[in-house]
């Protein structure tokens, strides 16, 4: 399990434990974190699970694949360095302590 901190746009923090093998998106969905809609259910076919990864974590995560890069073009105010789709980040002990900030809205 990994502890992940989700920070809502307004600053409200949610620290939850997420089982290894799930995605960061599934962790948000399963714990009722507001601000991650996950309209496509994790198929990397939308951008409604977009977050900004804390700068300390950007280099620690696997690189974005082409499909994720393409979907981020549709996200609300994407940042080239820190924007990620949470459906593409697998949970493991390696990301214990991950911090993500949610955008103002999902599109």
Protein backbone atom coordinates (compact mmCIF):
# COMPACT_ATOMS: atom_id res chain seq x y z
CA UNK A 1 0.00 0.00 0.00
CA UNK A 2 1.01 3.57 -0.63
CA UNK A 3 -0.14 6.74 1.07
CA UNK A 4 -1.15 9.31 -1.50
CA UNK A 5 -2.04 12.92 -0.79
CA UNK A 6 -4.69 14.44 -3.06
CA UNK A 7 -5.01 18.22 -2.72
CA UNK A 8 -8.22 19.78 -3.98
CA UNK A 9 -8.01 23.02 -5.95
CA UNK A 10 -9.19 24.92 -2.87
CA UNK A 11 -6.47 23.40 -0.67
CA UNK A 12 -8.35 20.61 1.13
CA UNK A 13 -5.99 17.65 1.59
CA UNK A 14 -6.98 13.99 1.55
CA UNK A 15 -4.36 11.44 2.58
CA UNK A 16 -5.44 7.91 1.74
CA UNK A 17 -3.89 4.48 1.51
CA UNK A 18 -4.21 2.86 -1.91
CA UNK A 19 -3.56 -0.81 -2.62
CA UNK A 20 -0.63 -1.77 -4.82
CA UNK A 21 -1.68 -2.56 -8.37
CA UNK A 22 -4.48 -0.01 -8.50
CA UNK A 23 -4.04 3.34 -10.21
CA UNK A 24 -3.92 6.72 -8.53
CA UNK A 25 -7.29 7.40 -10.24
CA UNK A 26 -8.83 4.27 -8.72
CA UNK A 27 -7.52 5.33 -5.33
CA UNK A 28 -9.28 8.67 -5.67
CA UNK A 29 -12.49 7.09 -6.93
CA UNK A 30 -12.57 4.39 -4.24
CA UNK A 31 -11.99 6.96 -1.49
CA UNK A 32 -14.50 9.55 -2.72
CA UNK A 33 -11.91 12.22 -3.51
CA UNK A 34 -13.76 15.12 -5.14
CA UNK A 35 -12.34 16.59 -8.33
CA UNK A 36 -11.38 13.41 -10.19
CA UNK A 37 -14.25 12.44 -12.46
CA UNK A 38 -12.66 9.56 -14.40
CA UNK A 39 -15.34 9.59 -17.08
CA UNK A 40 -13.68 6.89 -19.20
CA UNK A 41 -13.09 4.59 -16.24
CA UNK A 42 -9.33 4.53 -16.66
CA UNK A 43 -9.04 3.76 -20.38
CA UNK A 44 -6.89 6.84 -21.09
CA UNK A 45 -9.63 8.09 -23.39
CA UNK A 46 -10.35 11.43 -21.68
CA UNK A 47 -8.62 13.92 -19.40
CA UNK A 48 -11.01 13.96 -16.43
CA UNK A 49 -8.49 12.43 -14.02
CA UNK A 50 -5.87 15.11 -14.66
CA UNK A 51 -3.66 16.24 -11.77
CA UNK A 52 -0.49 18.22 -11.18
CA UNK A 53 2.19 16.03 -9.62
CA UNK A 54 4.25 17.68 -6.90
CA UNK A 55 7.60 18.74 -8.43
CA UNK A 56 9.53 16.45 -6.06
CA UNK A 57 7.73 13.46 -7.59
CA UNK A 58 7.86 14.21 -11.31
CA UNK A 59 11.18 12.44 -11.97
CA UNK A 60 10.25 9.51 -9.71
CA UNK A 61 7.28 8.45 -11.83
CA UNK A 62 7.44 6.50 -15.07
CA UNK A 63 7.48 8.74 -18.13
CA UNK A 64 4.26 9.60 -19.94
CA UNK A 65 3.44 7.44 -22.92
CA UNK A 66 2.21 8.97 -26.20
CA UNK A 67 -1.47 8.26 -25.52
CA UNK A 68 -1.32 10.08 -22.17
CA UNK A 69 0.49 13.02 -23.79
CA UNK A 70 -2.28 13.22 -26.42
CA UNK A 71 -5.09 13.15 -23.82
CA UNK A 72 -3.39 15.83 -21.71
CA UNK A 73 -3.88 18.21 -24.64
CA UNK A 74 -7.57 18.19 -23.67
CA UNK A 75 -7.01 18.77 -19.94
CA UNK A 76 -7.77 22.01 -18.12
CA UNK A 77 -4.62 24.16 -18.10
CA UNK A 78 -2.08 21.34 -18.49
CA UNK A 79 1.49 21.89 -17.37
CA UNK A 80 4.15 20.29 -19.57
CA UNK A 81 6.20 19.10 -16.58
CA UNK A 82 3.74 18.26 -13.82
CA UNK A 83 0.47 17.29 -15.52
CA UNK A 84 -0.42 13.60 -15.45
CA UNK A 85 -3.50 11.45 -15.89
CA UNK A 86 -3.98 9.49 -12.69
CA UNK A 87 -5.32 6.48 -14.61
CA UNK A 88 -1.80 6.01 -15.99
CA UNK A 89 0.05 5.95 -12.65
CA UNK A 90 0.18 2.50 -11.04
CA UNK A 91 0.35 2.35 -7.27
CA UNK A 92 3.28 0.57 -5.63
CA UNK A 93 5.57 1.07 -2.66
CA UNK A 94 7.75 3.18 -4.98
CA UNK A 95 5.17 5.98 -4.94
CA UNK A 96 4.42 5.91 -1.21
CA UNK A 97 4.07 9.58 -0.23
CA UNK A 98 3.04 10.82 -3.69
CA UNK A 99 1.41 14.27 -3.67
CA UNK A 100 -0.95 15.41 -6.42
CA UNK A 101 -2.89 18.65 -6.77
CA UNK A 102 -6.21 18.74 -8.61
CA UNK A 103 -6.93 21.38 -11.24
CA UNK A 104 -9.71 23.95 -10.89
CA UNK A 105 -11.94 21.75 -13.04
CA UNK A 106 -11.86 18.69 -15.26
CA UNK A 107 -12.78 18.83 -18.96
